[in-house]
C-alpha atoms as a PDB file:
ATOM      1  CA  UNK A   1     -33.729 215.354  94.162  1.00  0.00           C
ATOM      2  CA  UNK A   2     -35.691 215.202  97.662  1.00  0.00           C
ATOM      3  CA  UNK A   3     -34.038 213.979 101.021  1.00  0.00           C
ATOM      4  CA  UNK A   4     -35.669 212.171 103.826  1.00  0.00           C
ATOM      5  CA  UNK A   5     -33.971 211.810 106.747  1.00  0.00           C
ATOM      6  CA  UNK A   6     -34.808 210.792 110.688  1.00  0.00           C
ATOM      7  CA  UNK A   7     -35.069 212.474 113.934  1.00  0.00           C
ATOM      8  CA  UNK A   8     -31.284 212.889 114.751  1.00  0.00           C
ATOM      9  CA  UNK A   9     -30.000 213.416 110.937  1.00  0.00           C
ATOM     10  CA  UNK A  10     -27.494 210.067 111.467  1.00  0.00           C
ATOM     11  CA  UNK A  11     -30.204 208.181 108.403  1.00  0.00           C
ATOM     12  CA  UNK A  12     -30.639 209.661 105.149  1.00  0.00           C
ATOM     13  CA  UNK A  13     -32.560 208.606 102.056  1.00  0.00           C
ATOM     14  CA  UNK A  14     -32.327 210.467  98.650  1.00  0.00           C
ATOM     15  CA  UNK A  15     -34.709 210.399  96.077  1.00  0.00           C
ATOM     16  CA  UNK A  16     -36.562 211.325  92.518  1.00  0.00           C
ATOM     17  CA  UNK A  17     -38.147 214.216  92.984  1.00  0.00           C
ATOM     18  CA  UNK A  18     -41.724 212.529  92.656  1.00  0.00           C
ATOM     19  CA  UNK A  19     -42.865 209.688  94.053  1.00  0.00           C
ATOM     20  CA  UNK A  20     -44.575 206.879  91.753  1.00  0.00           C
ATOM     21  CA  UNK A  21     -46.984 206.239  94.214  1.00  0.00           C
ATOM     22  CA  UNK A  22     -48.360 207.899  97.737  1.00  0.00           C
ATOM     23  CA  UNK A  23     -49.911 205.411  99.886  1.00  0.00           C
ATOM     24  CA  UNK A  24     -52.111 206.403 102.902  1.00  0.00           C
ATOM     25  CA  UNK A  25     -52.103 202.714 104.925  1.00  0.00           C
ATOM     26  CA  UNK A  26     -54.513 201.896 107.745  1.00  0.00           C
ATOM     27  CA  UNK A  27     -53.147 198.766 108.788  1.00  0.00           C
ATOM     28  CA  UNK A  28     -52.348 197.685 112.178  1.00  0.00           C
ATOM     29  CA  UNK A  29     -49.129 197.249 111.403  1.00  0.00           C
ATOM     30  CA  UNK A  30     -48.590 200.537 110.229  1.00  0.00           C
ATOM     31  CA  UNK A  31     -50.137 202.021 113.180  1.00  0.00           C
ATOM     32  CA  UNK A  32     -47.790 200.441 115.283  1.00  0.00           C
ATOM     33  CA  UNK A  33     -44.962 201.223 113.638  1.00  0.00           C
ATOM     34  CA  UNK A  34     -45.752 205.166 113.502  1.00  0.00           C
ATOM     35  CA  UNK A  35     -47.477 204.643 116.867  1.00  0.00           C
ATOM     36  CA  UNK A  36     -49.790 207.363 114.348  1.00  0.00           C
ATOM     37  CA  UNK A  37     -53.520 205.988 113.035  1.00  0.00           C
ATOM     38  CA  UNK A  38     -51.930 205.620 109.745  1.00  0.00           C
ATOM     39  CA  UNK A  39     -48.671 205.460 107.960  1.00  0.00           C
ATOM     40  CA  UNK A  40     -47.763 207.266 104.581  1.00  0.00           C
ATOM     41  CA  UNK A  41     -45.440 205.928 102.130  1.00  0.00           C
ATOM     42  CA  UNK A  42     -44.246 207.419  99.361  1.00  0.00           C
ATOM     43  CA  UNK A  43     -43.092 205.196  96.644  1.00  0.00           C
ATOM     44  CA  UNK A  44     -39.796 205.029  94.018  1.00  0.00           C
ATOM     45  CA  UNK A  45     -38.342 203.012  91.569  1.00  0.00           C
ATOM     46  CA  UNK A  46     -35.560 201.285  94.157  1.00  0.00           C
ATOM     47  CA  UNK A  47     -33.081 202.075  91.869  1.00  0.00           C
ATOM     48  CA  UNK A  48     -33.463 205.508  92.317  1.00  0.00           C
ATOM     49  CA  UNK A  49     -33.300 205.502  96.368  1.00  0.00           C
ATOM     50  CA  UNK A  50     -29.838 205.616  97.872  1.00  0.00           C
ATOM     51  CA  UNK A  51     -29.513 205.768 101.453  1.00  0.00           C
ATOM     52  CA  UNK A  52     -26.722 207.458 103.516  1.00  0.00           C
ATOM     53  CA  UNK A  53     -26.036 206.040 107.384  1.00  0.00           C
ATOM     54  CA  UNK A  54     -26.567 202.890 109.001  1.00  0.00           C
ATOM     55  CA  UNK A  55     -29.595 201.005 108.996  1.00  0.00           C
ATOM     56  CA  UNK A  56     -31.369 198.171 111.305  1.00  0.00           C
ATOM     57  CA  UNK A  57     -33.600 196.048 109.499  1.00  0.00           C
ATOM     58  CA  UNK A  58     -37.102 194.390 110.945  1.00  0.00           C
ATOM     59  CA  UNK A  59     -38.792 191.994 108.415  1.00  0.00           C
ATOM     60  CA  UNK A  60     -42.571 191.177 109.419  1.00  0.00           C
ATOM     61  CA  UNK A  61     -45.406 189.844 108.041  1.00  0.00           C
ATOM     62  CA  UNK A  62     -48.112 192.466 106.893  1.00  0.00           C
ATOM     63  CA  UNK A  63     -51.523 192.268 106.990  1.00  0.00           C
ATOM     64  CA  UNK A  64     -51.934 190.732 103.571  1.00  0.00           C
ATOM     65  CA  UNK A  65     -49.523 187.856 104.924  1.00  0.00           C
ATOM     66  CA  UNK A  66     -46.471 189.031 102.463  1.00  0.00           C
ATOM     67  CA  UNK A  67     -42.821 190.071 104.083  1.00  0.00           C
ATOM     68  CA  UNK A  68     -42.292 193.706 104.678  1.00  0.00           C
ATOM     69  CA  UNK A  69     -38.662 194.909 105.655  1.00  0.00           C
ATOM     70  CA  UNK A  70     -38.446 197.594 107.512  1.00  0.00           C
ATOM     71  CA  UNK A  71     -35.066 199.611 108.052  1.00  0.00           C
ATOM     72  CA  UNK A  72     -34.981 202.320 110.638  1.00  0.00           C
ATOM     73  CA  UNK A  73     -32.305 204.683 112.531  1.00  0.00           C
ATOM     74  CA  UNK A  74     -30.164 202.490 115.007  1.00  0.00           C
ATOM     75  CA  UNK A  75     -29.881 205.776 116.758  1.00  0.00           C
ATOM     76  CA  UNK A  76     -33.005 207.438 117.302  1.00  0.00           C
ATOM     77  CA  UNK A  77     -35.488 204.504 115.865  1.00  0.00           C
ATOM     78  CA  UNK A  78     -36.947 206.286 113.098  1.00  0.00           C
ATOM     79  CA  UNK A  79     -38.801 204.079 110.458  1.00  0.00           C
ATOM     80  CA  UNK A  80     -36.844 205.995 107.240  1.00  0.00           C
ATOM     81  CA  UNK A  81     -37.241 203.261 104.299  1.00  0.00           C
ATOM     82  CA  UNK A  82     -38.798 200.053 103.441  1.00  0.00           C
ATOM     83  CA  UNK A  83     -39.035 197.105 100.961  1.00  0.00           C
ATOM     84  CA  UNK A  84     -42.140 195.264 100.001  1.00  0.00           C
ATOM     85  CA  UNK A  85     -42.494 191.599  98.922  1.00  0.00           C
ATOM     86  CA  UNK A  86     -44.940 192.453  96.730  1.00  0.00           C
ATOM     87  CA  UNK A  87     -43.165 194.898  94.360  1.00  0.00           C
ATOM     88  CA  UNK A  88     -39.828 194.493  94.774  1.00  0.00           C
ATOM     89  CA  UNK A  89     -38.888 196.991  92.341  1.00  0.00           C
ATOM     90  CA  UNK A  90     -39.606 200.221  94.579  1.00  0.00           C
ATOM     91  CA  UNK A  91     -38.827 201.101  98.276  1.00  0.00           C
ATOM     92  CA  UNK A  92     -41.111 202.990 100.554  1.00  0.00           C
ATOM     93  CA  UNK A  93     -39.773 206.083 102.552  1.00  0.00           C
ATOM     94  CA  UNK A  94     -41.778 207.323 105.027  1.00  0.00           C
ATOM     95  CA  UNK A  95     -43.277 210.552 103.839  1.00  0.00           C
ATOM     96  CA  UNK A  96     -43.370 212.188 107.357  1.00  0.00           C
ATOM     97  CA  UNK A  97     -39.268 211.990 106.619  1.00  0.00           C
ATOM     98  CA  UNK A  98     -39.661 214.885 103.914  1.00  0.00           C
ATOM     99  CA  UNK A  99     -40.493 217.591 106.664  1.00  0.00           C
ATOM    100  CA  UNK A 100     -42.320 218.860 102.945  1.00  0.00           C
ATOM    101  CA  UNK A 101     -45.143 220.591 103.664  1.00  0.00           C
ATOM    102  CA  UNK A 102     -45.830 220.542  99.608  1.00  0.00           C
ATOM    103  CA  UNK A 103     -45.159 216.991  99.833  1.00  0.00           C
ATOM    104  CA  UNK A 104     -47.776 215.220  97.112  1.00  0.00           C
ATOM    105  CA  UNK A 105     -51.183 213.907  98.990  1.00  0.00           C
ATOM    106  CA  UNK A 106     -51.630 210.360  98.568  1.00  0.00           C
ATOM    107  CA  UNK A 107     -53.088 208.398  95.791  1.00  0.00           C
ATOM    108  CA  UNK A 108     -54.604 205.716  97.416  1.00  0.00           C
ATOM    109  CA  UNK A 109     -55.619 204.771 100.756  1.00  0.00           C
ATOM    110  CA  UNK A 110     -55.344 201.153 102.084  1.00  0.00           C
ATOM    111  CA  UNK A 111     -56.246 198.988 104.713  1.00  0.00           C
ATOM    112  CA  UNK A 112     -59.881 200.765 104.975  1.00  0.00           C
ATOM    113  CA  UNK A 113     -61.247 197.688 107.320  1.00  0.00           C
ATOM    114  CA  UNK A 114     -59.034 198.711 110.421  1.00  0.00           C
ATOM    115  CA  UNK A 115     -58.847 203.042 109.693  1.00  0.00           C
ATOM    116  CA  UNK A 116     -59.450 204.878 112.925  1.00  0.00           C
ATOM    117  CA  UNK A 117     -63.190 205.969 112.733  1.00  0.00           C
ATOM    118  CA  UNK A 118     -62.404 209.873 113.191  1.00  0.00           C
ATOM    119  CA  UNK A 119     -59.932 209.750 110.510  1.00  0.00           C
ATOM    120  CA  UNK A 120     -60.663 211.379 107.060  1.00  0.00           C
ATOM    121  CA  UNK A 121     -59.101 210.356 103.877  1.00  0.00           C
ATOM    122  CA  UNK A 122     -58.666 213.604 100.941  1.00  0.00           C
ATOM    123  CA  UNK A 123     -61.408 213.251  98.054  1.00  0.00           C
ATOM    124  CA  UNK A 124     -60.599 211.580  95.189  1.00  0.00           C
ATOM    125  CA  UNK A 125     -58.322 209.320  96.864  1.00  0.00           C
ATOM    126  CA  UNK A 126     -58.483 205.627  95.693  1.00  0.00           C
ATOM    127  CA  UNK A 127     -59.962 203.786  98.953  1.00  0.00           C
ATOM    128  CA  UNK A 128     -59.293 200.260  98.986  1.00  0.00           C
ATOM    129  CA  UNK A 129     -60.766 197.481 102.170  1.00  0.00           C
ATOM    130  CA  UNK A 130     -57.356 195.631 102.111  1.00  0.00           C
ATOM    131  CA  UNK A 131     -54.017 195.735  99.760  1.00  0.00           C
ATOM    132  CA  UNK A 132     -54.343 197.672  96.281  1.00  0.00           C
ATOM    133  CA  UNK A 133     -52.163 195.107  94.866  1.00  0.00           C
END
C-alpha cells in the first residue's frame, strides 16, 4: 500500500502499490490547479482507493470539455485526488502527495499543445497533443 496526503496531513488516501497509469498533464487547468507548469496524476481503480479525512470538492469542465471533480483539503488547500467523467472507474491521485522519490515515472504526457516550452518529457513517454482517451 501507498499513502498520499495533503500538506497538513488532514486528508490522506491509501492506494495499492502501483498505479495503473501515471499521466503528466500540461493542460491549462492543471497548470492553474498546481501552480506549476504541469500536474502529474497517478490513476488507480476507484474501488482500491480509500480516503480518510474531510475533503472539499470542486467540479470543473476540463480542456477536453469533460467534467473533473477535484477533492482538496479544506484546511491547507492541497488537491489530493480527483474523479474524471471520461473514466468513472478510476480515481486520480496527485503524484506529489505520495512524497516518494521512487514513485513510478509518467507513461503518458497529455495536452502537449499547452506545454511550457522549457519543460521536457522523459524519453519513451507516449505524448499526445490533447487527451489520450
